[in-house]
N, C-alpha and C. Protein backbone atom coordinates (compact mmCIF):
# COMPACT_ATOMS: atom_id res chain seq x y z
N MET A 1 142.41 75.40 -34.22
CA MET A 1 142.27 76.80 -34.58
C MET A 1 142.28 76.97 -36.10
N VAL A 2 143.00 76.10 -36.79
CA VAL A 2 143.08 76.20 -38.25
C VAL A 2 141.71 76.03 -38.89
N PRO A 3 140.88 75.04 -38.46
CA PRO A 3 139.55 74.93 -39.07
C PRO A 3 138.69 76.18 -38.86
N VAL A 4 138.85 76.82 -37.71
CA VAL A 4 138.08 78.05 -37.46
C VAL A 4 138.51 79.13 -38.44
N ILE A 5 139.81 79.25 -38.67
CA ILE A 5 140.32 80.25 -39.62
C ILE A 5 139.83 79.94 -41.03
N ILE A 6 139.86 78.65 -41.41
CA ILE A 6 139.39 78.28 -42.74
C ILE A 6 137.91 78.59 -42.89
N TYR A 7 137.11 78.27 -41.87
CA TYR A 7 135.68 78.52 -41.95
C TYR A 7 135.38 80.01 -42.07
N TRP A 8 135.91 80.81 -41.16
CA TRP A 8 135.61 82.24 -41.17
C TRP A 8 136.23 82.93 -42.38
N GLY A 9 137.37 82.43 -42.85
CA GLY A 9 137.94 82.96 -44.09
C GLY A 9 137.03 82.71 -45.26
N SER A 10 136.41 81.53 -45.29
CA SER A 10 135.46 81.21 -46.36
C SER A 10 134.22 82.09 -46.27
N VAL A 11 133.74 82.32 -45.06
CA VAL A 11 132.56 83.17 -44.88
C VAL A 11 132.86 84.60 -45.35
N ILE A 12 134.02 85.11 -44.97
CA ILE A 12 134.40 86.47 -45.38
C ILE A 12 134.58 86.53 -46.89
N LEU A 13 135.21 85.51 -47.47
CA LEU A 13 135.40 85.46 -48.92
C LEU A 13 134.06 85.48 -49.65
N LEU A 14 133.10 84.71 -49.18
CA LEU A 14 131.78 84.69 -49.83
C LEU A 14 131.04 86.01 -49.63
N ALA A 15 131.22 86.66 -48.49
CA ALA A 15 130.59 87.96 -48.27
C ALA A 15 131.19 89.02 -49.19
N VAL A 16 132.50 89.00 -49.35
CA VAL A 16 133.15 89.94 -50.28
C VAL A 16 132.70 89.66 -51.71
N TRP A 17 132.58 88.39 -52.06
CA TRP A 17 132.11 88.04 -53.40
C TRP A 17 130.69 88.56 -53.63
N LEU A 18 129.83 88.48 -52.61
CA LEU A 18 128.47 88.99 -52.74
C LEU A 18 128.47 90.49 -53.03
N VAL A 19 129.24 91.25 -52.27
CA VAL A 19 129.30 92.70 -52.48
C VAL A 19 129.87 93.01 -53.87
N TRP A 20 130.96 92.34 -54.23
CA TRP A 20 131.58 92.54 -55.55
C TRP A 20 130.58 92.23 -56.65
N ASN A 21 129.86 91.13 -56.51
CA ASN A 21 128.91 90.68 -57.50
C ASN A 21 127.77 91.69 -57.68
N VAL A 22 127.23 92.17 -56.58
CA VAL A 22 126.13 93.13 -56.65
C VAL A 22 126.59 94.43 -57.32
N LEU A 23 127.75 94.93 -56.92
CA LEU A 23 128.24 96.19 -57.49
C LEU A 23 128.48 96.08 -59.00
N PHE A 24 129.14 95.01 -59.42
CA PHE A 24 129.41 94.86 -60.85
C PHE A 24 128.17 94.49 -61.64
N SER A 25 127.23 93.78 -61.03
CA SER A 25 125.97 93.49 -61.73
C SER A 25 125.20 94.78 -62.00
N ILE A 26 125.17 95.68 -61.03
CA ILE A 26 124.50 96.97 -61.21
C ILE A 26 125.21 97.76 -62.31
N LYS A 27 126.55 97.74 -62.28
CA LYS A 27 127.32 98.46 -63.31
C LYS A 27 127.03 97.90 -64.70
N PHE A 28 127.02 96.58 -64.84
CA PHE A 28 126.79 95.97 -66.14
C PHE A 28 125.34 96.15 -66.60
N LEU A 29 124.39 96.13 -65.67
CA LEU A 29 123.00 96.39 -66.04
C LEU A 29 122.82 97.82 -66.53
N ALA A 30 123.47 98.76 -65.86
CA ALA A 30 123.35 100.17 -66.24
C ALA A 30 123.96 100.45 -67.60
N SER A 31 125.04 99.73 -67.93
CA SER A 31 125.70 99.98 -69.21
C SER A 31 125.18 99.07 -70.33
N GLY A 32 124.29 98.16 -70.01
CA GLY A 32 123.70 97.30 -71.02
C GLY A 32 124.56 96.14 -71.46
N GLU A 33 125.56 95.77 -70.67
CA GLU A 33 126.44 94.65 -71.02
C GLU A 33 125.88 93.37 -70.42
N ARG A 34 124.97 92.76 -71.13
CA ARG A 34 124.29 91.56 -70.61
C ARG A 34 125.18 90.32 -70.62
N GLY A 35 126.16 90.26 -71.51
CA GLY A 35 127.02 89.08 -71.59
C GLY A 35 127.82 88.86 -70.32
N ASN A 36 128.24 89.94 -69.67
CA ASN A 36 129.01 89.81 -68.43
C ASN A 36 128.14 89.25 -67.30
N LEU A 37 126.85 89.50 -67.35
CA LEU A 37 125.95 88.97 -66.32
C LEU A 37 125.87 87.44 -66.41
N TRP A 38 125.96 86.90 -67.63
CA TRP A 38 125.98 85.45 -67.78
C TRP A 38 127.26 84.87 -67.17
N GLY A 39 128.35 85.57 -67.31
CA GLY A 39 129.60 85.14 -66.68
C GLY A 39 129.50 85.14 -65.17
N PHE A 40 128.88 86.18 -64.61
CA PHE A 40 128.68 86.23 -63.17
C PHE A 40 127.76 85.11 -62.71
N MET A 41 126.77 84.75 -63.54
CA MET A 41 125.87 83.67 -63.17
C MET A 41 126.66 82.36 -62.99
N LEU A 42 127.56 82.08 -63.92
CA LEU A 42 128.38 80.87 -63.83
C LEU A 42 129.27 80.91 -62.58
N LEU A 43 129.89 82.05 -62.33
CA LEU A 43 130.73 82.18 -61.13
C LEU A 43 129.91 82.08 -59.85
N ASN A 44 128.67 82.57 -59.88
CA ASN A 44 127.80 82.46 -58.70
C ASN A 44 127.43 81.01 -58.42
N ILE A 45 127.29 80.20 -59.47
CA ILE A 45 127.01 78.78 -59.26
C ILE A 45 128.20 78.13 -58.57
N PHE A 46 129.43 78.46 -58.99
CA PHE A 46 130.62 77.92 -58.33
C PHE A 46 130.69 78.41 -56.87
N ALA A 47 130.35 79.67 -56.63
CA ALA A 47 130.36 80.20 -55.26
C ALA A 47 129.32 79.50 -54.40
N LEU A 48 128.15 79.21 -54.98
CA LEU A 48 127.11 78.50 -54.24
C LEU A 48 127.57 77.10 -53.88
N ILE A 49 128.17 76.40 -54.82
CA ILE A 49 128.68 75.05 -54.54
C ILE A 49 129.77 75.10 -53.46
N PHE A 50 130.67 76.08 -53.55
CA PHE A 50 131.72 76.24 -52.54
C PHE A 50 131.10 76.50 -51.16
N GLY A 51 130.11 77.39 -51.09
CA GLY A 51 129.45 77.69 -49.81
C GLY A 51 128.74 76.49 -49.23
N ILE A 52 128.08 75.72 -50.08
CA ILE A 52 127.38 74.52 -49.61
C ILE A 52 128.39 73.50 -49.09
N LEU A 53 129.49 73.32 -49.79
CA LEU A 53 130.52 72.38 -49.34
C LEU A 53 131.15 72.80 -48.02
N VAL A 54 131.43 74.08 -47.88
CA VAL A 54 132.00 74.57 -46.62
C VAL A 54 131.02 74.37 -45.48
N GLN A 55 129.76 74.71 -45.70
CA GLN A 55 128.75 74.55 -44.65
C GLN A 55 128.58 73.08 -44.29
N TRP A 56 128.56 72.22 -45.29
CA TRP A 56 128.41 70.78 -45.03
C TRP A 56 129.61 70.23 -44.27
N ALA A 57 130.80 70.63 -44.67
CA ALA A 57 132.01 70.11 -44.04
C ALA A 57 132.15 70.56 -42.59
N PHE A 58 131.79 71.80 -42.32
CA PHE A 58 132.01 72.33 -40.97
C PHE A 58 130.80 72.23 -40.07
N ALA A 59 129.64 71.90 -40.59
CA ALA A 59 128.45 71.77 -39.75
C ALA A 59 128.34 70.38 -39.16
N ASP A 60 129.13 69.43 -39.63
CA ASP A 60 129.08 68.06 -39.15
C ASP A 60 129.69 67.97 -37.76
N ASN A 61 129.13 67.13 -36.91
CA ASN A 61 129.65 66.86 -35.57
C ASN A 61 129.70 68.09 -34.67
N GLY A 62 128.79 69.00 -34.84
CA GLY A 62 128.70 70.14 -33.94
C GLY A 62 129.80 71.17 -34.09
N PHE A 63 130.51 71.18 -35.21
CA PHE A 63 131.61 72.12 -35.36
C PHE A 63 131.14 73.57 -35.37
N MET A 64 129.92 73.81 -35.90
CA MET A 64 129.42 75.19 -35.96
C MET A 64 129.28 75.77 -34.56
N GLY A 65 128.82 74.96 -33.62
CA GLY A 65 128.73 75.44 -32.25
C GLY A 65 130.10 75.79 -31.69
N LEU A 66 131.09 74.97 -32.01
CA LEU A 66 132.47 75.25 -31.56
C LEU A 66 132.99 76.54 -32.18
N CYS A 67 132.71 76.76 -33.47
CA CYS A 67 133.15 78.00 -34.13
C CYS A 67 132.54 79.22 -33.44
N GLN A 68 131.26 79.13 -33.11
CA GLN A 68 130.61 80.27 -32.48
C GLN A 68 131.15 80.51 -31.09
N ILE A 69 131.41 79.44 -30.33
CA ILE A 69 131.95 79.60 -28.98
C ILE A 69 133.34 80.20 -29.03
N VAL A 70 134.18 79.71 -29.95
CA VAL A 70 135.54 80.24 -30.08
C VAL A 70 135.50 81.70 -30.48
N LEU A 71 134.61 82.07 -31.42
CA LEU A 71 134.50 83.47 -31.83
C LEU A 71 134.09 84.36 -30.66
N VAL A 72 133.14 83.91 -29.85
CA VAL A 72 132.72 84.69 -28.68
C VAL A 72 133.87 84.83 -27.70
N GLU A 73 134.63 83.75 -27.50
CA GLU A 73 135.76 83.81 -26.58
C GLU A 73 136.84 84.76 -27.10
N ILE A 74 137.07 84.75 -28.40
CA ILE A 74 138.06 85.66 -28.98
C ILE A 74 137.62 87.10 -28.79
N LEU A 75 136.34 87.38 -29.06
CA LEU A 75 135.83 88.74 -28.93
C LEU A 75 135.83 89.20 -27.48
N ASN A 76 135.62 88.28 -26.54
CA ASN A 76 135.64 88.64 -25.12
C ASN A 76 137.05 88.69 -24.55
N GLY A 77 138.03 88.21 -25.31
CA GLY A 77 139.42 88.20 -24.82
C GLY A 77 139.71 87.07 -23.87
N THR A 78 138.85 86.03 -23.85
CA THR A 78 139.06 84.92 -22.92
C THR A 78 139.48 83.64 -23.62
N PHE A 79 139.83 83.72 -24.90
CA PHE A 79 140.15 82.51 -25.67
C PHE A 79 141.55 82.02 -25.36
N THR A 80 141.64 80.73 -25.07
CA THR A 80 142.92 80.04 -25.03
C THR A 80 142.71 78.68 -25.67
N SER A 81 143.71 78.19 -26.37
CA SER A 81 143.57 76.90 -27.03
C SER A 81 143.42 75.78 -26.02
N VAL A 82 143.90 75.98 -24.79
CA VAL A 82 143.77 74.96 -23.75
C VAL A 82 142.30 74.78 -23.42
N ASN A 83 141.53 75.88 -23.34
CA ASN A 83 140.10 75.77 -23.06
C ASN A 83 139.40 74.91 -24.10
N VAL A 84 139.70 75.16 -25.35
CA VAL A 84 139.05 74.42 -26.43
C VAL A 84 139.43 72.95 -26.39
N LEU A 85 140.71 72.65 -26.18
CA LEU A 85 141.15 71.26 -26.12
C LEU A 85 140.56 70.54 -24.92
N PHE A 86 140.48 71.23 -23.79
CA PHE A 86 139.97 70.60 -22.58
C PHE A 86 138.47 70.36 -22.65
N VAL A 87 137.72 71.34 -23.07
CA VAL A 87 136.26 71.25 -23.05
C VAL A 87 135.73 70.39 -24.18
N TYR A 88 136.33 70.44 -25.36
CA TYR A 88 135.75 69.81 -26.54
C TYR A 88 136.49 68.57 -27.01
N SER A 89 137.39 68.04 -26.21
CA SER A 89 138.10 66.83 -26.65
C SER A 89 137.40 65.58 -26.16
């Protein structure tokens, strides 16, 4: 269950970063502060590397399918850790 939390936490973190980045980029473009956009560019490169590493780490050995199945089970209210251990071990 911990890997699922780490994966979805990373996805949510990157989604929040995207919204934050777009809002502040619009603000800085409107006010003419171009230097801050260069700072966001550097941070976006780090975010891209982080996203690629997370995707690479969790996409190996079919983990993405497991994450999606667990998420569907959680949303349907049928998730138990015994199911995951029994079916995917």
